[in-house]
Structures are given as C-alpha cells and as structure tokens.
Amino acid sequence: MSLAKATAEEIKTRAARYPSKQSAVIPALWAVQHEQGYVTKEAMGEIAQILGLPPSLIEATASFYSMFLTRPEGRHDVVICINAPCMLRGADEMAAYLERQLGVRDGGTTADGAITWHSTIECLGACGGAPMMQVDHRFEEDLTPERIDAIIERLRKEPAAHAAPQHPLPGPAPAKKPARPRARKTEN
C-alpha cells in the first residue's frame, strides 16, 4: 500500500523543519502509523525515499522504538506492567487473568481483532496505582479482575485507537487542541 499523498506531503513538510533529514525519521514514522495503523516495510522504504536516507536507518529506528508497530495488531493496544512495584501488588495475577479472559498469550491478538496485549518489565511510571496497564496510551490503575472485565468490554465496543492520533506531530499548533501525548490517569 502506498502512502497517501497527504502523508507524504506531511513528511516532506516536517523534514524541511530540521537541519538534518535524519531528525525527521520519528515524525515520519508517526505520520505513517497514524495513517495506516502500523508501519510496513514498504512504507519504511517510501519514508527512506522521501527523506533521501538509507532504508536500513528507517527500519532500525522503527524496530528500536516499541511505540512503532511493524505488523497489524488489534484495534486497541494493552500493555500490562509487571515491573517490581506492580508485581508486588498483584500484576502477575492480573496478567494471568487478562490472558485467560482474552484467550491469547502475551503478544497475541484476540480472534475478533479488538485487542493486542503485551506485558512489560519496563516500568510504565504509575507505581502509585499498581497494578496497572496502559490502554491506547491511557493509564488504567488499581487493576482487579472486575476492572479488567469492564476494560475489555469497553474496548470490544470502541473503534480503533489510531483513528484519532494519540501523539500529535510537532509543529504549529492546530486549531483544535490535540490530546496530550503522555498517558493520562483515568477515573475508576
């Protein structure tokens, strides 16, 4: 699939802002992911061509950062923290419960395509609300089996998270204020 003309133009516009085209790789990857939901090898090649950089540089950047998806995943991305503070407050049990409820292992996508989930040993930075998980860049804290059930039910009904960009590209402020790029706490 070729990039949309608007996405290619966006990449060129962003690249013009930097003294080095290499500085535009991350904004270019975001632009593609916002358009397609993930970044294909073909799209990486198009980014390389637009920026005049080696394809290997684009691929290395996309594979280094976990925020870039390089294969189709569920409409919603769920990452459950199993770092020490979350683990001490039951994250292992919550991860096992999530796996049973979704019917897929860590890294898998549900049969209906609604949810892809991962566990991480990296701290997600919400230790005060442990155990917690990040759902489409939003924090869900103080997990219990009942909260997980409610989250899963909500996600199965919601459209894809990438339909509205979660990470606005840097540049002039748009007319409408975009969502903040950092995760935010949700209420119980």
N, C-alpha and C. Protein backbone atom coordinates (compact mmCIF):
# COMPACT_ATOMS: atom_id res chain seq x y z
N MET A 1 0.85 -1.17 0.00
CA MET A 1 0.00 0.00 0.00
C MET A 1 0.90 1.24 0.00
N SER A 2 0.66 2.12 -0.91
CA SER A 2 1.42 3.38 -0.97
C SER A 2 0.89 4.36 0.05
N LEU A 3 1.77 5.25 0.47
CA LEU A 3 1.36 6.30 1.40
C LEU A 3 0.39 7.24 0.72
N ALA A 4 -0.54 7.74 1.48
CA ALA A 4 -1.45 8.75 0.97
C ALA A 4 -0.64 10.00 0.63
N LYS A 5 -1.09 10.71 -0.37
CA LYS A 5 -0.39 11.92 -0.80
C LYS A 5 -0.24 12.89 0.37
N ALA A 6 -1.27 13.02 1.20
CA ALA A 6 -1.22 13.94 2.35
C ALA A 6 -0.14 13.52 3.35
N THR A 7 0.03 12.21 3.54
CA THR A 7 1.06 11.73 4.47
C THR A 7 2.45 12.01 3.92
N ALA A 8 2.64 11.76 2.64
CA ALA A 8 3.94 12.05 2.02
C ALA A 8 4.26 13.55 2.11
N GLU A 9 3.27 14.38 1.88
CA GLU A 9 3.48 15.83 1.98
C GLU A 9 3.78 16.24 3.42
N GLU A 10 3.12 15.61 4.36
CA GLU A 10 3.37 15.89 5.78
C GLU A 10 4.81 15.55 6.14
N ILE A 11 5.30 14.42 5.64
CA ILE A 11 6.69 14.02 5.91
C ILE A 11 7.65 15.04 5.32
N LYS A 12 7.40 15.48 4.10
CA LYS A 12 8.26 16.50 3.46
C LYS A 12 8.24 17.80 4.24
N THR A 13 7.06 18.22 4.67
CA THR A 13 6.93 19.47 5.44
C THR A 13 7.69 19.37 6.75
N ARG A 14 7.55 18.26 7.45
CA ARG A 14 8.27 18.08 8.72
C ARG A 14 9.77 18.04 8.49
N ALA A 15 10.19 17.35 7.45
CA ALA A 15 11.63 17.23 7.17
C ALA A 15 12.26 18.59 6.90
N ALA A 16 11.51 19.49 6.29
CA ALA A 16 12.03 20.82 5.97
C ALA A 16 12.33 21.63 7.23
N ARG A 17 11.77 21.24 8.35
CA ARG A 17 11.98 21.97 9.61
C ARG A 17 13.32 21.66 10.27
N TYR A 18 13.96 20.58 9.85
CA TYR A 18 15.17 20.12 10.52
C TYR A 18 16.41 20.36 9.66
N PRO A 19 17.55 20.62 10.31
CA PRO A 19 18.79 20.79 9.55
C PRO A 19 19.27 19.47 8.94
N SER A 20 18.86 18.34 9.54
CA SER A 20 19.23 17.02 9.04
C SER A 20 17.96 16.22 8.78
N LYS A 21 17.88 15.57 7.64
CA LYS A 21 16.70 14.77 7.31
C LYS A 21 16.52 13.61 8.31
N GLN A 22 17.62 13.16 8.89
CA GLN A 22 17.55 12.07 9.86
C GLN A 22 16.69 12.46 11.08
N SER A 23 16.65 13.73 11.40
CA SER A 23 15.84 14.20 12.52
C SER A 23 14.35 14.05 12.26
N ALA A 24 13.96 13.85 11.03
CA ALA A 24 12.55 13.73 10.68
C ALA A 24 12.07 12.28 10.64
N VAL A 25 12.94 11.33 10.96
CA VAL A 25 12.55 9.92 10.87
C VAL A 25 11.40 9.60 11.83
N ILE A 26 11.50 10.00 13.09
CA ILE A 26 10.44 9.68 14.05
C ILE A 26 9.12 10.36 13.67
N PRO A 27 9.10 11.66 13.36
CA PRO A 27 7.83 12.24 12.91
C PRO A 27 7.27 11.56 11.65
N ALA A 28 8.14 11.11 10.78
CA ALA A 28 7.68 10.41 9.57
C ALA A 28 7.04 9.08 9.92
N LEU A 29 7.66 8.34 10.84
CA LEU A 29 7.10 7.06 11.27
C LEU A 29 5.74 7.26 11.95
N TRP A 30 5.63 8.32 12.77
CA TRP A 30 4.34 8.63 13.40
C TRP A 30 3.29 8.91 12.33
N ALA A 31 3.64 9.71 11.34
CA ALA A 31 2.68 10.07 10.29
C ALA A 31 2.16 8.81 9.59
N VAL A 32 3.05 7.89 9.29
CA VAL A 32 2.65 6.65 8.61
C VAL A 32 1.78 5.80 9.54
N GLN A 33 2.19 5.68 10.79
CA GLN A 33 1.41 4.87 11.72
C GLN A 33 0.02 5.46 11.94
N HIS A 34 -0.08 6.76 11.97
CA HIS A 34 -1.40 7.39 12.11
C HIS A 34 -2.27 7.12 10.89
N GLU A 35 -1.65 7.05 9.72
CA GLU A 35 -2.42 6.78 8.51
C GLU A 35 -2.83 5.32 8.41
N GLN A 36 -1.89 4.41 8.65
CA GLN A 36 -2.12 3.01 8.35
C GLN A 36 -2.36 2.11 9.57
N GLY A 37 -2.07 2.63 10.76
CA GLY A 37 -2.22 1.81 11.96
C GLY A 37 -0.96 1.08 12.36
N TYR A 38 -0.05 0.90 11.43
CA TYR A 38 1.26 0.31 11.69
C TYR A 38 2.16 0.71 10.53
N VAL A 39 3.47 0.39 10.64
CA VAL A 39 4.43 0.82 9.63
C VAL A 39 4.97 -0.40 8.90
N THR A 40 4.61 -0.54 7.63
CA THR A 40 5.06 -1.67 6.82
C THR A 40 6.48 -1.42 6.30
N LYS A 41 7.12 -2.50 5.85
CA LYS A 41 8.45 -2.36 5.22
C LYS A 41 8.35 -1.47 3.98
N GLU A 42 7.26 -1.62 3.24
CA GLU A 42 7.05 -0.80 2.06
C GLU A 42 6.99 0.69 2.44
N ALA A 43 6.26 0.99 3.51
CA ALA A 43 6.16 2.38 3.97
C ALA A 43 7.51 2.90 4.44
N MET A 44 8.29 2.04 5.11
CA MET A 44 9.63 2.44 5.54
C MET A 44 10.49 2.80 4.33
N GLY A 45 10.32 2.01 3.26
CA GLY A 45 11.05 2.31 2.02
C GLY A 45 10.64 3.64 1.43
N GLU A 46 9.33 3.94 1.50
CA GLU A 46 8.84 5.23 0.99
C GLU A 46 9.37 6.39 1.84
N ILE A 47 9.41 6.19 3.16
CA ILE A 47 9.98 7.23 4.03
C ILE A 47 11.44 7.46 3.65
N ALA A 48 12.18 6.38 3.47
CA ALA A 48 13.60 6.49 3.10
C ALA A 48 13.76 7.27 1.80
N GLN A 49 12.91 6.96 0.85
CA GLN A 49 12.97 7.64 -0.44
C GLN A 49 12.64 9.13 -0.29
N ILE A 50 11.60 9.45 0.44
CA ILE A 50 11.20 10.85 0.64
C ILE A 50 12.30 11.64 1.34
N LEU A 51 12.91 11.01 2.36
CA LEU A 51 13.93 11.71 3.15
C LEU A 51 15.33 11.59 2.56
N GLY A 52 15.50 10.73 1.58
CA GLY A 52 16.83 10.54 0.98
C GLY A 52 17.80 9.86 1.94
N LEU A 53 17.27 8.91 2.71
CA LEU A 53 18.07 8.19 3.70
C LEU A 53 18.06 6.70 3.38
N PRO A 54 19.03 5.96 3.90
CA PRO A 54 19.04 4.52 3.65
C PRO A 54 17.84 3.83 4.32
N PRO A 55 17.20 2.89 3.64
CA PRO A 55 16.07 2.17 4.24
C PRO A 55 16.44 1.50 5.56
N SER A 56 17.69 1.04 5.67
CA SER A 56 18.11 0.37 6.91
C SER A 56 18.02 1.30 8.11
N LEU A 57 18.23 2.59 7.92
CA LEU A 57 18.13 3.56 9.01
C LEU A 57 16.68 3.69 9.48
N ILE A 58 15.76 3.72 8.55
CA ILE A 58 14.35 3.82 8.89
C ILE A 58 13.90 2.55 9.61
N GLU A 59 14.29 1.39 9.09
CA GLU A 59 13.93 0.12 9.71
C GLU A 59 14.54 0.00 11.10
N ALA A 60 15.78 0.41 11.28
CA ALA A 60 16.43 0.34 12.60
C ALA A 60 15.70 1.22 13.61
N THR A 61 15.27 2.39 13.19
CA THR A 61 14.55 3.29 14.10
C THR A 61 13.20 2.70 14.46
N ALA A 62 12.47 2.21 13.47
CA ALA A 62 11.14 1.64 13.71
C ALA A 62 11.21 0.41 14.61
N SER A 63 12.24 -0.40 14.46
CA SER A 63 12.33 -1.62 15.27
C SER A 63 12.90 -1.34 16.66
N PHE A 64 13.63 -0.23 16.83
CA PHE A 64 14.20 0.11 18.14
C PHE A 64 13.14 0.59 19.10
N TYR A 65 12.22 1.42 18.64
CA TYR A 65 11.21 2.02 19.50
C TYR A 65 9.95 1.15 19.53
N SER A 66 9.55 0.73 20.73
CA SER A 66 8.38 -0.13 20.85
C SER A 66 7.07 0.59 20.52
N MET A 67 7.11 1.91 20.42
CA MET A 67 5.89 2.66 20.12
C MET A 67 5.48 2.53 18.66
N PHE A 68 6.38 2.03 17.82
CA PHE A 68 6.05 1.85 16.41
C PHE A 68 5.68 0.40 16.15
N LEU A 69 4.51 0.19 15.61
CA LEU A 69 4.04 -1.15 15.28
C LEU A 69 4.50 -1.49 13.87
N THR A 70 5.08 -2.67 13.71
CA THR A 70 5.56 -3.06 12.38
C THR A 70 4.76 -4.23 11.81
N ARG A 71 3.66 -4.53 12.45
CA ARG A 71 2.73 -5.55 11.93
C ARG A 71 1.34 -5.19 12.42
N PRO A 72 0.33 -5.67 11.73
CA PRO A 72 -1.02 -5.35 12.18
C PRO A 72 -1.26 -5.92 13.57
N GLU A 73 -1.91 -5.14 14.37
CA GLU A 73 -2.26 -5.59 15.70
C GLU A 73 -3.73 -5.28 15.92
N GLY A 74 -4.20 -5.53 17.11
CA GLY A 74 -5.61 -5.27 17.42
C GLY A 74 -5.95 -3.80 17.33
N ARG A 75 -7.25 -3.53 17.34
CA ARG A 75 -7.70 -2.14 17.31
C ARG A 75 -7.20 -1.38 18.52
N HIS A 76 -6.97 -2.11 19.62
CA HIS A 76 -6.52 -1.49 20.87
C HIS A 76 -5.26 -2.18 21.35
N ASP A 77 -4.37 -1.37 21.90
CA ASP A 77 -3.10 -1.85 22.42
C ASP A 77 -3.14 -1.81 23.95
N VAL A 78 -2.92 -2.95 24.57
CA VAL A 78 -2.93 -3.07 26.03
C VAL A 78 -1.56 -3.54 26.47
N VAL A 79 -0.94 -2.79 27.37
CA VAL A 79 0.36 -3.16 27.93
C VAL A 79 0.20 -3.22 29.44
N ILE A 80 0.40 -4.39 30.01
CA ILE A 80 0.27 -4.54 31.45
C ILE A 80 1.67 -4.52 32.07
N CYS A 81 1.83 -3.68 33.08
CA CYS A 81 3.13 -3.53 33.73
C CYS A 81 3.35 -4.66 34.72
N ILE A 82 4.48 -5.35 34.60
CA ILE A 82 4.83 -6.39 35.57
C ILE A 82 6.16 -6.08 36.23
N ASN A 83 6.54 -4.80 36.24
CA ASN A 83 7.75 -4.37 36.93
C ASN A 83 7.54 -4.56 38.42
N ALA A 84 8.60 -4.43 39.21
CA ALA A 84 8.58 -4.75 40.64
C ALA A 84 7.41 -4.13 41.42
N PRO A 85 7.17 -2.81 41.37
CA PRO A 85 6.06 -2.28 42.17
C PRO A 85 4.71 -2.87 41.78
N CYS A 86 4.47 -3.04 40.50
CA CYS A 86 3.20 -3.63 40.07
C CYS A 86 3.16 -5.12 40.46
N MET A 87 4.29 -5.81 40.31
CA MET A 87 4.35 -7.22 40.65
C MET A 87 4.04 -7.43 42.13
N LEU A 88 4.58 -6.55 42.98
CA LEU A 88 4.35 -6.67 44.42
C LEU A 88 2.88 -6.47 44.79
N ARG A 89 2.14 -5.82 43.91
CA ARG A 89 0.71 -5.56 44.18
C ARG A 89 -0.21 -6.41 43.30
N GLY A 90 0.34 -7.50 42.72
CA GLY A 90 -0.51 -8.46 42.04
C GLY A 90 -0.52 -8.44 40.53
N ALA A 91 0.47 -7.82 39.91
CA ALA A 91 0.48 -7.73 38.44
C ALA A 91 0.55 -9.10 37.77
N ASP A 92 1.30 -10.02 38.35
CA ASP A 92 1.39 -11.35 37.74
C ASP A 92 0.02 -12.01 37.67
N GLU A 93 -0.75 -11.87 38.75
CA GLU A 93 -2.09 -12.44 38.77
C GLU A 93 -3.00 -11.72 37.77
N MET A 94 -2.85 -10.40 37.65
CA MET A 94 -3.67 -9.64 36.71
C MET A 94 -3.31 -10.00 35.27
N ALA A 95 -2.01 -10.21 35.00
CA ALA A 95 -1.60 -10.60 33.65
C ALA A 95 -2.15 -11.98 33.30
N ALA A 96 -2.10 -12.90 34.26
CA ALA A 96 -2.65 -14.25 34.03
C ALA A 96 -4.16 -14.17 33.81
N TYR A 97 -4.82 -13.32 34.57
CA TYR A 97 -6.28 -13.16 34.42
C TYR A 97 -6.60 -12.57 33.04
N LEU A 98 -5.85 -11.54 32.64
CA LEU A 98 -6.05 -10.92 31.33
C LEU A 98 -5.88 -11.95 30.22
N GLU A 99 -4.84 -12.77 30.33
CA GLU A 99 -4.58 -13.80 29.33
C GLU A 99 -5.75 -14.78 29.24
N ARG A 100 -6.27 -15.21 30.38
CA ARG A 100 -7.41 -16.14 30.38
C ARG A 100 -8.64 -15.48 29.77
N GLN A 101 -8.90 -14.22 30.13
CA GLN A 101 -10.10 -13.55 29.65
C GLN A 101 -10.05 -13.28 28.15
N LEU A 102 -8.86 -12.95 27.65
CA LEU A 102 -8.72 -12.66 26.22
C LEU A 102 -8.56 -13.92 25.38
N GLY A 103 -8.06 -14.98 26.00
CA GLY A 103 -7.87 -16.24 25.28
C GLY A 103 -6.66 -16.23 24.37
N VAL A 104 -5.71 -15.31 24.61
CA VAL A 104 -4.47 -15.27 23.83
C VAL A 104 -3.29 -14.99 24.76
N ARG A 105 -2.15 -15.50 24.38
CA ARG A 105 -0.94 -15.30 25.17
C ARG A 105 -0.38 -13.90 24.99
N ASP A 106 0.52 -13.56 25.88
CA ASP A 106 1.26 -12.30 25.84
C ASP A 106 1.81 -12.08 24.42
N GLY A 107 1.50 -10.94 23.82
CA GLY A 107 1.94 -10.64 22.47
C GLY A 107 0.90 -10.99 21.41
N GLY A 108 -0.19 -11.61 21.84
CA GLY A 108 -1.20 -12.06 20.90
C GLY A 108 -2.32 -11.06 20.71
N THR A 109 -3.11 -11.33 19.68
CA THR A 109 -4.28 -10.51 19.34
C THR A 109 -5.52 -11.38 19.43
N THR A 110 -6.57 -10.84 20.00
CA THR A 110 -7.82 -11.60 20.14
C THR A 110 -8.38 -11.96 18.76
N ALA A 111 -9.15 -13.03 18.73
CA ALA A 111 -9.71 -13.53 17.47
C ALA A 111 -10.56 -12.49 16.76
N ASP A 112 -11.22 -11.62 17.54
CA ASP A 112 -12.06 -10.59 16.92
C ASP A 112 -11.26 -9.36 16.47
N GLY A 113 -9.94 -9.38 16.70
CA GLY A 113 -9.09 -8.26 16.27
C GLY A 113 -9.21 -7.02 17.14
N ALA A 114 -9.88 -7.14 18.27
CA ALA A 114 -10.11 -5.95 19.10
C ALA A 114 -8.90 -5.56 19.93
N ILE A 115 -8.17 -6.56 20.47
CA ILE A 115 -7.14 -6.24 21.46
C ILE A 115 -5.87 -7.04 21.20
N THR A 116 -4.74 -6.33 21.21
CA THR A 116 -3.42 -6.96 21.27
C THR A 116 -2.87 -6.58 22.63
N TRP A 117 -2.33 -7.56 23.35
CA TRP A 117 -1.78 -7.24 24.67
C TRP A 117 -0.37 -7.75 24.82
N HIS A 118 0.37 -7.02 25.64
CA HIS A 118 1.76 -7.35 25.96
C HIS A 118 1.96 -7.10 27.44
N SER A 119 2.92 -7.81 28.01
CA SER A 119 3.38 -7.45 29.35
C SER A 119 4.75 -6.81 29.15
N THR A 120 5.18 -6.06 30.14
CA THR A 120 6.47 -5.42 30.03
C THR A 120 7.19 -5.46 31.36
N ILE A 121 8.49 -5.59 31.33
CA ILE A 121 9.25 -5.50 32.57
C ILE A 121 9.69 -4.06 32.80
N GLU A 122 9.45 -3.23 31.80
CA GLU A 122 9.78 -1.80 31.94
C GLU A 122 8.66 -1.11 32.69
N CYS A 123 9.03 -0.25 33.61
CA CYS A 123 8.06 0.49 34.40
C CYS A 123 7.29 1.46 33.51
N LEU A 124 5.99 1.51 33.67
CA LEU A 124 5.17 2.45 32.92
C LEU A 124 4.97 3.76 33.67
N GLY A 125 5.49 3.84 34.89
CA GLY A 125 5.51 5.11 35.61
C GLY A 125 4.23 5.48 36.34
N ALA A 126 3.47 4.49 36.76
CA ALA A 126 2.27 4.78 37.55
C ALA A 126 2.25 3.86 38.77
N CYS A 127 3.37 3.81 39.44
CA CYS A 127 3.55 2.87 40.55
C CYS A 127 2.54 3.08 41.67
N GLY A 128 2.10 4.31 41.88
CA GLY A 128 1.12 4.60 42.92
C GLY A 128 -0.23 3.96 42.65
N GLY A 129 -0.49 3.59 41.41
CA GLY A 129 -1.76 2.96 41.04
C GLY A 129 -1.60 1.50 40.69
N ALA A 130 -0.52 0.89 41.14
CA ALA A 130 -0.23 -0.51 40.82
C ALA A 130 -1.27 -1.43 41.44
N PRO A 131 -1.57 -2.55 40.77
CA PRO A 131 -1.12 -2.93 39.43
C PRO A 131 -1.86 -2.12 38.37
N MET A 132 -1.17 -1.87 37.28
CA MET A 132 -1.75 -1.01 36.25
C MET A 132 -1.43 -1.52 34.86
N MET A 133 -2.15 -0.95 33.90
CA MET A 133 -1.85 -1.22 32.50
C MET A 133 -2.13 0.04 31.70
N GLN A 134 -1.50 0.07 30.54
CA GLN A 134 -1.69 1.19 29.62
C GLN A 134 -2.57 0.70 28.48
N VAL A 135 -3.66 1.41 28.26
CA VAL A 135 -4.61 1.04 27.22
C VAL A 135 -4.66 2.20 26.22
N ASP A 136 -4.15 1.96 25.02
CA ASP A 136 -4.12 3.01 24.00
C ASP A 136 -3.55 4.31 24.57
N HIS A 137 -2.44 4.21 25.28
CA HIS A 137 -1.72 5.36 25.84
C HIS A 137 -2.45 6.03 27.00
N ARG A 138 -3.44 5.37 27.57
CA ARG A 138 -4.12 5.87 28.77
C ARG A 138 -3.85 4.88 29.90
N PHE A 139 -3.63 5.38 31.09
CA PHE A 139 -3.40 4.51 32.22
C PHE A 139 -4.71 4.01 32.81
N GLU A 140 -4.73 2.75 33.14
CA GLU A 140 -5.80 2.11 33.89
C GLU A 140 -5.12 1.56 35.14
N GLU A 141 -5.47 2.08 36.29
CA GLU A 141 -4.76 1.76 37.53
C GLU A 141 -5.63 0.95 38.49
N ASP A 142 -4.97 0.46 39.56
CA ASP A 142 -5.64 -0.31 40.61
C ASP A 142 -6.47 -1.45 40.02
N LEU A 143 -5.80 -2.26 39.19
CA LEU A 143 -6.50 -3.33 38.48
C LEU A 143 -7.03 -4.40 39.42
N THR A 144 -8.20 -4.87 39.10
CA THR A 144 -8.83 -6.02 39.73
C THR A 144 -9.43 -6.83 38.58
N PRO A 145 -9.80 -8.07 38.83
CA PRO A 145 -10.47 -8.82 37.76
C PRO A 145 -11.71 -8.09 37.24
N GLU A 146 -12.47 -7.47 38.13
CA GLU A 146 -13.68 -6.76 37.71
C GLU A 146 -13.33 -5.55 36.82
N ARG A 147 -12.29 -4.81 37.17
CA ARG A 147 -11.87 -3.66 36.35
C ARG A 147 -11.39 -4.15 34.99
N ILE A 148 -10.64 -5.24 34.97
CA ILE A 148 -10.16 -5.79 33.69
C ILE A 148 -11.34 -6.19 32.83
N ASP A 149 -12.33 -6.85 33.41
CA ASP A 149 -13.53 -7.24 32.64
C ASP A 149 -14.22 -6.02 32.03
N ALA A 150 -14.35 -4.96 32.82
CA ALA A 150 -15.01 -3.73 32.33
C ALA A 150 -14.19 -3.09 31.21
N ILE A 151 -12.88 -3.09 31.34
CA ILE A 151 -12.00 -2.51 30.31
C ILE A 151 -12.12 -3.31 29.02
N ILE A 152 -12.06 -4.64 29.13
CA ILE A 152 -12.18 -5.49 27.94
C ILE A 152 -13.52 -5.25 27.25
N GLU A 153 -14.59 -5.19 28.01
CA GLU A 153 -15.92 -4.96 27.44
C GLU A 153 -15.96 -3.63 26.69
N ARG A 154 -15.39 -2.58 27.31
CA ARG A 154 -15.37 -1.26 26.67
C ARG A 154 -14.55 -1.29 25.37
N LEU A 155 -13.39 -1.95 25.40
CA LEU A 155 -12.52 -1.97 24.22
C LEU A 155 -13.14 -2.74 23.06
N ARG A 156 -13.87 -3.77 23.36
CA ARG A 156 -14.50 -4.54 22.28
C ARG A 156 -15.53 -3.71 21.52
N LYS A 157 -16.07 -2.67 22.16
CA LYS A 157 -17.08 -1.81 21.54
C LYS A 157 -16.49 -0.57 20.89
N GLU A 158 -15.30 -0.12 21.33
CA GLU A 158 -14.70 1.12 20.82
C GLU A 158 -14.03 0.92 19.48
N PRO A 159 -14.03 1.97 18.64
CA PRO A 159 -13.30 1.89 17.37
C PRO A 159 -11.80 1.91 17.62
N ALA A 160 -11.04 1.73 16.57
CA ALA A 160 -9.58 1.69 16.68
C ALA A 160 -9.03 2.97 17.28
N ALA A 161 -8.03 2.81 18.14
CA ALA A 161 -7.41 3.96 18.80
C ALA A 161 -6.64 4.82 17.82
N HIS A 162 -6.06 4.22 16.78
CA HIS A 162 -5.24 5.01 15.85
C HIS A 162 -6.08 5.85 14.89
N ALA A 163 -7.41 5.72 14.97
CA ALA A 163 -8.26 6.54 14.10
C ALA A 163 -8.10 8.03 14.42
N ALA A 164 -7.81 8.34 15.67
CA ALA A 164 -7.52 9.71 16.09
C ALA A 164 -6.13 9.70 16.69
N PRO A 165 -5.17 10.41 16.12
CA PRO A 165 -3.79 10.36 16.59
C PRO A 165 -3.67 10.61 18.09
N GLN A 166 -2.90 9.75 18.75
CA GLN A 166 -2.62 9.90 20.16
C GLN A 166 -1.37 10.74 20.38
N HIS A 167 -0.51 10.80 19.39
CA HIS A 167 0.75 11.52 19.51
C HIS A 167 0.83 12.57 18.39
N PRO A 168 0.40 13.78 18.66
CA PRO A 168 0.45 14.80 17.61
C PRO A 168 1.87 15.04 17.15
N LEU A 169 2.04 15.26 15.89
CA LEU A 169 3.36 15.56 15.36
C LEU A 169 3.76 16.97 15.77
N PRO A 170 5.05 17.20 16.00
CA PRO A 170 5.48 18.54 16.38
C PRO A 170 5.23 19.53 15.25
N GLY A 171 4.96 20.74 15.59
CA GLY A 171 4.74 21.75 14.56
C GLY A 171 3.81 22.82 15.05
N PRO A 172 3.33 23.66 14.15
CA PRO A 172 2.43 24.73 14.55
C PRO A 172 1.19 24.16 15.22
N ALA A 173 0.69 24.87 16.21
CA ALA A 173 -0.47 24.40 16.95
C ALA A 173 -1.68 24.35 16.02
N PRO A 174 -2.38 23.21 16.02
CA PRO A 174 -3.58 23.12 15.21
C PRO A 174 -4.70 23.96 15.83
N ALA A 175 -5.73 24.18 15.06
CA ALA A 175 -6.85 24.98 15.54
C ALA A 175 -7.51 24.33 16.76
N LYS A 176 -7.64 23.01 16.73
CA LYS A 176 -8.23 22.29 17.85
C LYS A 176 -7.09 21.67 18.65
N LYS A 177 -7.11 21.81 19.95
CA LYS A 177 -6.05 21.30 20.80
C LYS A 177 -6.07 19.77 20.78
N PRO A 178 -4.95 19.10 20.40
CA PRO A 178 -4.91 17.64 20.34
C PRO A 178 -4.75 17.05 21.75
N ALA A 179 -4.98 15.73 21.82
CA ALA A 179 -4.77 15.04 23.08
C ALA A 179 -3.30 15.15 23.47
N ARG A 180 -3.05 15.20 24.78
CA ARG A 180 -1.66 15.27 25.25
C ARG A 180 -0.96 13.97 24.89
N PRO A 181 0.30 14.01 24.48
CA PRO A 181 0.98 12.80 24.04
C PRO A 181 1.37 11.85 25.17
N ARG A 182 1.28 12.30 26.43
CA ARG A 182 1.63 11.39 27.52
C ARG A 182 0.37 10.68 28.00
N ALA A 183 0.57 9.58 28.69
CA ALA A 183 -0.56 8.83 29.21
C ALA A 183 -1.23 9.65 30.29
N ARG A 184 -2.51 9.41 30.46
CA ARG A 184 -3.22 10.13 31.49
C ARG A 184 -4.00 9.13 32.35
N LYS A 185 -4.17 9.50 33.59
CA LYS A 185 -4.87 8.65 34.53
C LYS A 185 -6.37 8.70 34.25
N THR A 186 -7.01 7.55 34.32
CA THR A 186 -8.45 7.51 34.16
C THR A 186 -9.08 7.28 35.53
N GLU A 187 -10.31 7.69 35.65
CA GLU A 187 -11.02 7.52 36.91
C GLU A 187 -11.62 6.12 37.00
N ASN A 188 -11.83 5.67 38.22
CA ASN A 188 -12.46 4.35 38.44
C ASN A 188 -13.91 4.39 38.08
